[in-house]
Amino acid sequence: MQALLKLVTDCSVVALSPSRKDTINESPLKIALFSLAKMCAHPPCRQFLRTSELFPVIRQLQQSPESTIANYASVIVKKVTEVN
């Protein structure tokens, strides 16, 4: 999971830059976010994300101009911050 978060962090600069729309569609970021969203079904994974210093990057990705990236980030944030 830490490796996925690192990948998300590394790719987030491009995803949040409206001037680089040609590179926003990079699939590694989308795949990493999709995977993290699916992992959020498990309480230990949600707890790990909630306490990770990289979680704010996922929050920022909710503002991505690429709708798929913003959607995956929103799903993750919603699942991680839900009170069960």
PDB file of N, CA and C in Angstrom:
ATOM      1  N   MET A   1       0.830  -1.185   0.000  1.00  0.00           N
ATOM      2  CA  MET A   1       0.000   0.000   0.000  1.00  0.00           C
ATOM      3  C   MET A   1       0.878   1.252   0.000  1.00  0.00           C
ATOM      4  N   GLN A   2       1.978   1.212   0.723  1.00  0.00           N
ATOM      5  CA  GLN A   2       2.881   2.357   0.770  1.00  0.00           C
ATOM      6  C   GLN A   2       3.430   2.666  -0.635  1.00  0.00           C
ATOM      7  N   ALA A   3       3.718   1.622  -1.406  1.00  0.00           N
ATOM      8  CA  ALA A   3       4.226   1.825  -2.768  1.00  0.00           C
ATOM      9  C   ALA A   3       3.177   2.512  -3.652  1.00  0.00           C
ATOM     10  N   LEU A   4       1.908   2.144  -3.478  1.00  0.00           N
ATOM     11  CA  LEU A   4       0.839   2.799  -4.244  1.00  0.00           C
ATOM     12  C   LEU A   4       0.737   4.273  -3.862  1.00  0.00           C
ATOM     13  N   LEU A   5       0.838   4.562  -2.563  1.00  0.00           N
ATOM     14  CA  LEU A   5       0.780   5.955  -2.118  1.00  0.00           C
ATOM     15  C   LEU A   5       1.951   6.761  -2.674  1.00  0.00           C
ATOM     16  N   LYS A   6       3.115   6.152  -2.725  1.00  0.00           N
ATOM     17  CA  LYS A   6       4.292   6.844  -3.287  1.00  0.00           C
ATOM     18  C   LYS A   6       4.069   7.139  -4.763  1.00  0.00           C
ATOM     19  N   LEU A   7       3.519   6.172  -5.502  1.00  0.00           N
ATOM     20  CA  LEU A   7       3.220   6.379  -6.913  1.00  0.00           C
ATOM     21  C   LEU A   7       2.223   7.520  -7.093  1.00  0.00           C
ATOM     22  N   VAL A   8       1.185   7.539  -6.275  1.00  0.00           N
ATOM     23  CA  VAL A   8       0.182   8.602  -6.332  1.00  0.00           C
ATOM     24  C   VAL A   8       0.853   9.955  -6.090  1.00  0.00           C
ATOM     25  N   THR A   9       1.713  10.024  -5.084  1.00  0.00           N
ATOM     26  CA  THR A   9       2.406  11.264  -4.775  1.00  0.00           C
ATOM     27  C   THR A   9       3.289  11.706  -5.937  1.00  0.00           C
ATOM     28  N   ASP A  10       4.028  10.773  -6.500  1.00  0.00           N
ATOM     29  CA  ASP A  10       4.923  11.091  -7.610  1.00  0.00           C
ATOM     30  C   ASP A  10       4.165  11.603  -8.829  1.00  0.00           C
ATOM     31  N   CYS A  11       2.985  11.062  -9.077  1.00  0.00           N
ATOM     32  CA  CYS A  11       2.204  11.440 -10.258  1.00  0.00           C
ATOM     33  C   CYS A  11       1.282  12.630 -10.012  1.00  0.00           C
ATOM     34  N   SER A  12       1.088  13.019  -8.769  1.00  0.00           N
ATOM     35  CA  SER A  12       0.092  14.042  -8.446  1.00  0.00           C
ATOM     36  C   SER A  12       0.427  15.407  -9.025  1.00  0.00           C
ATOM     37  N   VAL A  13       1.691  15.730  -9.138  1.00  0.00           N
ATOM     38  CA  VAL A  13       2.072  17.038  -9.678  1.00  0.00           C
ATOM     39  C   VAL A  13       1.537  17.208 -11.087  1.00  0.00           C
ATOM     40  N   VAL A  14       1.684  16.178 -11.893  1.00  0.00           N
ATOM     41  CA  VAL A  14       1.197  16.230 -13.270  1.00  0.00           C
ATOM     42  C   VAL A  14      -0.329  16.270 -13.278  1.00  0.00           C
ATOM     43  N   ALA A  15      -0.953  15.489 -12.434  1.00  0.00           N
ATOM     44  CA  ALA A  15      -2.418  15.398 -12.422  1.00  0.00           C
ATOM     45  C   ALA A  15      -3.078  16.695 -11.986  1.00  0.00           C
ATOM     46  N   LEU A  16      -2.383  17.491 -11.185  1.00  0.00           N
ATOM     47  CA  LEU A  16      -2.961  18.739 -10.693  1.00  0.00           C
ATOM     48  C   LEU A  16      -2.582  19.949 -11.540  1.00  0.00           C
ATOM     49  N   SER A  17      -1.814  19.733 -12.581  1.00  0.00           N
ATOM     50  CA  SER A  17      -1.335  20.825 -13.424  1.00  0.00           C
ATOM     51  C   SER A  17      -2.196  20.948 -14.681  1.00  0.00           C
ATOM     52  N   PRO A  18      -3.077  21.940 -14.725  1.00  0.00           N
ATOM     53  CA  PRO A  18      -3.948  22.088 -15.892  1.00  0.00           C
ATOM     54  C   PRO A  18      -3.175  22.369 -17.175  1.00  0.00           C
ATOM     55  N   SER A  19      -1.958  22.871 -17.086  1.00  0.00           N
ATOM     56  CA  SER A  19      -1.190  23.188 -18.279  1.00  0.00           C
ATOM     57  C   SER A  19      -0.581  21.947 -18.924  1.00  0.00           C
ATOM     58  N   ARG A  20      -0.673  20.807 -18.265  1.00  0.00           N
ATOM     59  CA  ARG A  20      -0.075  19.585 -18.813  1.00  0.00           C
ATOM     60  C   ARG A  20      -1.149  18.532 -19.065  1.00  0.00           C
ATOM     61  N   LYS A  21      -2.250  18.934 -19.638  1.00  0.00           N
ATOM     62  CA  LYS A  21      -3.371  18.024 -19.873  1.00  0.00           C
ATOM     63  C   LYS A  21      -2.985  16.823 -20.734  1.00  0.00           C
ATOM     64  N   ASP A  22      -1.975  16.989 -21.568  1.00  0.00           N
ATOM     65  CA  ASP A  22      -1.581  15.880 -22.435  1.00  0.00           C
ATOM     66  C   ASP A  22      -1.010  14.710 -21.646  1.00  0.00           C
ATOM     67  N   THR A  23      -0.492  14.946 -20.462  1.00  0.00           N
ATOM     68  CA  THR A  23       0.099  13.861 -19.675  1.00  0.00           C
ATOM     69  C   THR A  23      -0.782  13.427 -18.506  1.00  0.00           C
ATOM     70  N   ILE A  24      -1.912  14.087 -18.340  1.00  0.00           N
ATOM     71  CA  ILE A  24      -2.787  13.760 -17.210  1.00  0.00           C
ATOM     72  C   ILE A  24      -3.350  12.348 -17.314  1.00  0.00           C
ATOM     73  N   ASN A  25      -3.544  11.860 -18.503  1.00  0.00           N
ATOM     74  CA  ASN A  25      -4.187  10.563 -18.694  1.00  0.00           C
ATOM     75  C   ASN A  25      -3.259   9.382 -18.419  1.00  0.00           C
ATOM     76  N   GLU A  26      -2.191   9.625 -17.705  1.00  0.00           N
ATOM     77  CA  GLU A  26      -1.289   8.530 -17.374  1.00  0.00           C
ATOM     78  C   GLU A  26      -2.052   7.472 -16.587  1.00  0.00           C
ATOM     79  N   SER A  27      -2.001   6.260 -17.090  1.00  0.00           N
ATOM     80  CA  SER A  27      -2.759   5.209 -16.431  1.00  0.00           C
ATOM     81  C   SER A  27      -2.160   4.726 -15.106  1.00  0.00           C
ATOM     82  N   PRO A  28      -0.853   4.844 -14.830  1.00  0.00           N
ATOM     83  CA  PRO A  28      -0.379   4.365 -13.520  1.00  0.00           C
ATOM     84  C   PRO A  28      -1.080   5.048 -12.351  1.00  0.00           C
ATOM     85  N   LEU A  29      -1.323   6.341 -12.451  1.00  0.00           N
ATOM     86  CA  LEU A  29      -2.005   7.058 -11.376  1.00  0.00           C
ATOM     87  C   LEU A  29      -3.443   6.563 -11.236  1.00  0.00           C
ATOM     88  N   LYS A  30      -4.127   6.406 -12.353  1.00  0.00           N
ATOM     89  CA  LYS A  30      -5.516   5.934 -12.308  1.00  0.00           C
ATOM     90  C   LYS A  30      -5.587   4.523 -11.718  1.00  0.00           C
ATOM     91  N   ILE A  31      -4.663   3.667 -12.122  1.00  0.00           N
ATOM     92  CA  ILE A  31      -4.651   2.296 -11.609  1.00  0.00           C
ATOM     93  C   ILE A  31      -4.365   2.287 -10.112  1.00  0.00           C
ATOM     94  N   ALA A  32      -3.422   3.116  -9.676  1.00  0.00           N
ATOM     95  CA  ALA A  32      -3.091   3.187  -8.249  1.00  0.00           C
ATOM     96  C   ALA A  32      -4.286   3.684  -7.439  1.00  0.00           C
ATOM     97  N   LEU A  33      -4.950   4.725  -7.929  1.00  0.00           N
ATOM     98  CA  LEU A  33      -6.115   5.256  -7.211  1.00  0.00           C
ATOM     99  C   LEU A  33      -7.261   4.249  -7.199  1.00  0.00           C
ATOM    100  N   PHE A  34      -7.490   3.584  -8.328  1.00  0.00           N
ATOM    101  CA  PHE A  34      -8.526   2.551  -8.396  1.00  0.00           C
ATOM    102  C   PHE A  34      -8.232   1.459  -7.368  1.00  0.00           C
ATOM    103  N   SER A  35      -6.986   1.025  -7.312  1.00  0.00           N
ATOM    104  CA  SER A  35      -6.593  -0.034  -6.371  1.00  0.00           C
ATOM    105  C   SER A  35      -6.780   0.409  -4.928  1.00  0.00           C
ATOM    106  N   LEU A  36      -6.372   1.631  -4.617  1.00  0.00           N
ATOM    107  CA  LEU A  36      -6.549   2.143  -3.257  1.00  0.00           C
ATOM    108  C   LEU A  36      -8.031   2.243  -2.901  1.00  0.00           C
ATOM    109  N   ALA A  37      -8.850   2.651  -3.859  1.00  0.00           N
ATOM    110  CA  ALA A  37     -10.298   2.741  -3.604  1.00  0.00           C
ATOM    111  C   ALA A  37     -10.870   1.372  -3.268  1.00  0.00           C
ATOM    112  N   LYS A  38     -10.435   0.337  -3.995  1.00  0.00           N
ATOM    113  CA  LYS A  38     -10.909  -1.022  -3.710  1.00  0.00           C
ATOM    114  C   LYS A  38     -10.401  -1.516  -2.364  1.00  0.00           C
ATOM    115  N   MET A  39      -9.165  -1.170  -2.012  1.00  0.00           N
ATOM    116  CA  MET A  39      -8.597  -1.580  -0.724  1.00  0.00           C
ATOM    117  C   MET A  39      -9.335  -0.943   0.451  1.00  0.00           C
ATOM    118  N   CYS A  40      -9.983   0.177   0.205  1.00  0.00           N
ATOM    119  CA  CYS A  40     -10.714   0.874   1.269  1.00  0.00           C
ATOM    120  C   CYS A  40     -11.900   0.066   1.792  1.00  0.00           C
ATOM    121  N   ALA A  41     -12.215  -1.047   1.167  1.00  0.00           N
ATOM    122  CA  ALA A  41     -13.276  -1.922   1.667  1.00  0.00           C
ATOM    123  C   ALA A  41     -12.840  -2.597   2.969  1.00  0.00           C
ATOM    124  N   HIS A  42     -11.555  -2.581   3.242  1.00  0.00           N
ATOM    125  CA  HIS A  42     -11.004  -3.272   4.414  1.00  0.00           C
ATOM    126  C   HIS A  42     -10.593  -2.278   5.495  1.00  0.00           C
ATOM    127  N   PRO A  43     -11.121  -2.415   6.704  1.00  0.00           N
ATOM    128  CA  PRO A  43     -10.817  -1.470   7.782  1.00  0.00           C
ATOM    129  C   PRO A  43      -9.323  -1.217   8.018  1.00  0.00           C
ATOM    130  N   PRO A  44      -8.452  -2.232   8.006  1.00  0.00           N
ATOM    131  CA  PRO A  44      -7.031  -1.928   8.231  1.00  0.00           C
ATOM    132  C   PRO A  44      -6.443  -1.013   7.137  1.00  0.00           C
ATOM    133  N   CYS A  45      -6.928  -1.163   5.921  1.00  0.00           N
ATOM    134  CA  CYS A  45      -6.451  -0.315   4.832  1.00  0.00           C
ATOM    135  C   CYS A  45      -6.940   1.121   5.006  1.00  0.00           C
ATOM    136  N   ARG A  46      -8.193   1.275   5.394  1.00  0.00           N
ATOM    137  CA  ARG A  46      -8.724   2.621   5.645  1.00  0.00           C
ATOM    138  C   ARG A  46      -7.935   3.295   6.768  1.00  0.00           C
ATOM    139  N   GLN A  47      -7.643   2.557   7.820  1.00  0.00           N
ATOM    140  CA  GLN A  47      -6.888   3.113   8.940  1.00  0.00           C
ATOM    141  C   GLN A  47      -5.485   3.518   8.486  1.00  0.00           C
ATOM    142  N   PHE A  48      -4.843   2.689   7.695  1.00  0.00           N
ATOM    143  CA  PHE A  48      -3.502   3.000   7.191  1.00  0.00           C
ATOM    144  C   PHE A  48      -3.527   4.298   6.384  1.00  0.00           C
ATOM    145  N   LEU A  49      -4.494   4.414   5.479  1.00  0.00           N
ATOM    146  CA  LEU A  49      -4.593   5.622   4.664  1.00  0.00           C
ATOM    147  C   LEU A  49      -4.886   6.846   5.519  1.00  0.00           C
ATOM    148  N   ARG A  50      -5.800   6.689   6.466  1.00  0.00           N
ATOM    149  CA  ARG A  50      -6.208   7.800   7.334  1.00  0.00           C
ATOM    150  C   ARG A  50      -5.009   8.384   8.070  1.00  0.00           C
ATOM    151  N   THR A  51      -4.085   7.537   8.476  1.00  0.00           N
ATOM    152  CA  THR A  51      -2.956   7.996   9.282  1.00  0.00           C
ATOM    153  C   THR A  51      -1.691   8.266   8.452  1.00  0.00           C
ATOM    154  N   SER A  52      -1.750   8.025   7.160  1.00  0.00           N
ATOM    155  CA  SER A  52      -0.582   8.237   6.314  1.00  0.00           C
ATOM    156  C   SER A  52      -0.326   9.722   6.098  1.00  0.00           C
ATOM    157  N   GLU A  53       0.956  10.089   6.095  1.00  0.00           N
ATOM    158  CA  GLU A  53       1.301  11.492   5.824  1.00  0.00           C
ATOM    159  C   GLU A  53       1.050  11.844   4.358  1.00  0.00           C
ATOM    160  N   LEU A  54       0.793  10.847   3.530  1.00  0.00           N
ATOM    161  CA  LEU A  54       0.530  11.081   2.113  1.00  0.00           C
ATOM    162  C   LEU A  54      -0.963  11.241   1.801  1.00  0.00           C
ATOM    163  N   PHE A  55      -1.826  11.030   2.787  1.00  0.00           N
ATOM    164  CA  PHE A  55      -3.273  11.146   2.553  1.00  0.00           C
ATOM    165  C   PHE A  55      -3.676  12.530   2.032  1.00  0.00           C
ATOM    166  N   PRO A  56      -3.040  13.621   2.492  1.00  0.00           N
ATOM    167  CA  PRO A  56      -3.409  14.936   1.943  1.00  0.00           C
ATOM    168  C   PRO A  56      -3.232  15.044   0.424  1.00  0.00           C
ATOM    169  N   VAL A  57      -2.325  14.275  -0.135  1.00  0.00           N
ATOM    170  CA  VAL A  57      -2.145  14.284  -1.594  1.00  0.00           C
ATOM    171  C   VAL A  57      -3.401  13.757  -2.272  1.00  0.00           C
ATOM    172  N   ILE A  58      -3.980  12.715  -1.697  1.00  0.00           N
ATOM    173  CA  ILE A  58      -5.223  12.166  -2.271  1.00  0.00           C
ATOM    174  C   ILE A  58      -6.339  13.193  -2.157  1.00  0.00           C
ATOM    175  N   ARG A  59      -6.394  13.896  -1.041  1.00  0.00           N
ATOM    176  CA  ARG A  59      -7.392  14.973  -0.898  1.00  0.00           C
ATOM    177  C   ARG A  59      -7.213  16.025  -1.996  1.00  0.00           C
ATOM    178  N   GLN A  60      -5.971  16.399  -2.275  1.00  0.00           N
ATOM    179  CA  GLN A  60      -5.701  17.392  -3.320  1.00  0.00           C
ATOM    180  C   GLN A  60      -6.120  16.891  -4.696  1.00  0.00           C
ATOM    181  N   LEU A  61      -5.979  15.601  -4.922  1.00  0.00           N
ATOM    182  CA  LEU A  61      -6.331  15.046  -6.231  1.00  0.00           C
ATOM    183  C   LEU A  61      -7.827  15.125  -6.520  1.00  0.00           C
ATOM    184  N   GLN A  62      -8.633  15.399  -5.520  1.00  0.00           N
ATOM    185  CA  GLN A  62     -10.062  15.616  -5.754  1.00  0.00           C
ATOM    186  C   GLN A  62     -10.272  16.832  -6.655  1.00  0.00           C
ATOM    187  N   GLN A  63      -9.265  17.700  -6.725  1.00  0.00           N
ATOM    188  CA  GLN A  63      -9.339  18.914  -7.539  1.00  0.00           C
ATOM    189  C   GLN A  63      -8.713  18.734  -8.920  1.00  0.00           C
ATOM    190  N   SER A  64      -8.334  17.518  -9.263  1.00  0.00           N
ATOM    191  CA  SER A  64      -7.706  17.271 -10.558  1.00  0.00           C
ATOM    192  C   SER A  64      -8.660  17.645 -11.688  1.00  0.00           C
ATOM    193  N   PRO A  65      -8.132  18.263 -12.748  1.00  0.00           N
ATOM    194  CA  PRO A  65      -8.979  18.564 -13.895  1.00  0.00           C
ATOM    195  C   PRO A  65      -9.405  17.303 -14.659  1.00  0.00           C
ATOM    196  N   GLU A  66      -8.756  16.185 -14.388  1.00  0.00           N
ATOM    197  CA  GLU A  66      -9.107  14.909 -15.036  1.00  0.00           C
ATOM    198  C   GLU A  66     -10.191  14.255 -14.195  1.00  0.00           C
ATOM    199  N   SER A  67     -11.372  14.101 -14.723  1.00  0.00           N
ATOM    200  CA  SER A  67     -12.526  13.657 -13.938  1.00  0.00           C
ATOM    201  C   SER A  67     -12.351  12.268 -13.320  1.00  0.00           C
ATOM    202  N   THR A  68     -11.703  11.357 -14.014  1.00  0.00           N
ATOM    203  CA  THR A  68     -11.522  10.011 -13.463  1.00  0.00           C
ATOM    204  C   THR A  68     -10.635  10.053 -12.220  1.00  0.00           C
ATOM    205  N   ILE A  69      -9.562  10.812 -12.300  1.00  0.00           N
ATOM    206  CA  ILE A  69      -8.654  10.940 -11.158  1.00  0.00           C
ATOM    207  C   ILE A  69      -9.375  11.599  -9.988  1.00  0.00           C
ATOM    208  N   ALA A  70     -10.095  12.680 -10.260  1.00  0.00           N
ATOM    209  CA  ALA A  70     -10.830  13.376  -9.206  1.00  0.00           C
ATOM    210  C   ALA A  70     -11.877  12.466  -8.574  1.00  0.00           C
ATOM    211  N   ASN A  71     -12.548  11.658  -9.391  1.00  0.00           N
ATOM    212  CA  ASN A  71     -13.571  10.747  -8.887  1.00  0.00           C
ATOM    213  C   ASN A  71     -12.965   9.674  -7.983  1.00  0.00           C
ATOM    214  N   TYR A  72     -11.887   9.032  -8.434  1.00  0.00           N
ATOM    215  CA  TYR A  72     -11.244   8.005  -7.602  1.00  0.00           C
ATOM    216  C   TYR A  72     -10.768   8.601  -6.281  1.00  0.00           C
ATOM    217  N   ALA A  73     -10.171   9.786  -6.341  1.00  0.00           N
ATOM    218  CA  ALA A  73      -9.691  10.430  -5.119  1.00  0.00           C
ATOM    219  C   ALA A  73     -10.856  10.730  -4.175  1.00  0.00           C
ATOM    220  N   SER A  74     -11.972  11.182  -4.724  1.00  0.00           N
ATOM    221  CA  SER A  74     -13.150  11.475  -3.902  1.00  0.00           C
ATOM    222  C   SER A  74     -13.711  10.222  -3.237  1.00  0.00           C
ATOM    223  N   VAL A  75     -13.725   9.121  -3.977  1.00  0.00           N
ATOM    224  CA  VAL A  75     -14.201   7.851  -3.423  1.00  0.00           C
ATOM    225  C   VAL A  75     -13.314   7.432  -2.250  1.00  0.00           C
ATOM    226  N   ILE A  76     -12.008   7.540  -2.426  1.00  0.00           N
ATOM    227  CA  ILE A  76     -11.067   7.169  -1.368  1.00  0.00           C
ATOM    228  C   ILE A  76     -11.285   8.028  -0.130  1.00  0.00           C
ATOM    229  N   VAL A  77     -11.336   9.345  -0.324  1.00  0.00           N
ATOM    230  CA  VAL A  77     -11.523  10.262   0.801  1.00  0.00           C
ATOM    231  C   VAL A  77     -12.826   9.964   1.526  1.00  0.00           C
ATOM    232  N   LYS A  78     -13.884   9.745   0.767  1.00  0.00           N
ATOM    233  CA  LYS A  78     -15.185   9.449   1.389  1.00  0.00           C
ATOM    234  C   LYS A  78     -15.115   8.171   2.228  1.00  0.00           C
ATOM    235  N   LYS A  79     -14.542   7.110   1.670  1.00  0.00           N
ATOM    236  CA  LYS A  79     -14.478   5.836   2.390  1.00  0.00           C
ATOM    237  C   LYS A  79     -13.592   5.942   3.630  1.00  0.00           C
ATOM    238  N   VAL A  80     -12.465   6.651   3.502  1.00  0.00           N
ATOM    239  CA  VAL A  80     -11.516   6.728   4.613  1.00  0.00           C
ATOM    240  C   VAL A  80     -12.063   7.601   5.747  1.00  0.00           C
ATOM    241  N   THR A  81     -12.840   8.611   5.414  1.00  0.00           N
ATOM    242  CA  THR A  81     -13.338   9.526   6.448  1.00  0.00           C
ATOM    243  C   THR A  81     -14.716   9.147   6.981  1.00  0.00           C
ATOM    244  N   GLU A  82     -15.337   8.111   6.404  1.00  0.00           N
ATOM    245  CA  GLU A  82     -16.632   7.649   6.913  1.00  0.00           C
ATOM    246  C   GLU A  82     -16.489   7.123   8.331  1.00  0.00           C
ATOM    247  N   VAL A  83     -17.479   7.402   9.142  1.00  0.00           N
ATOM    248  CA  VAL A  83     -17.504   6.831  10.486  1.00  0.00           C
ATOM    249  C   VAL A  83     -18.379   5.586  10.422  1.00  0.00           C
ATOM    250  N   ASN A  84     -17.805   4.457  10.810  1.00  0.00           N
ATOM    251  CA  ASN A  84     -18.564   3.190  10.740  1.00  0.00           C
ATOM    252  C   ASN A  84     -19.287   2.927  12.014  1.00  0.00           C
TER     253      ASN A  84
END
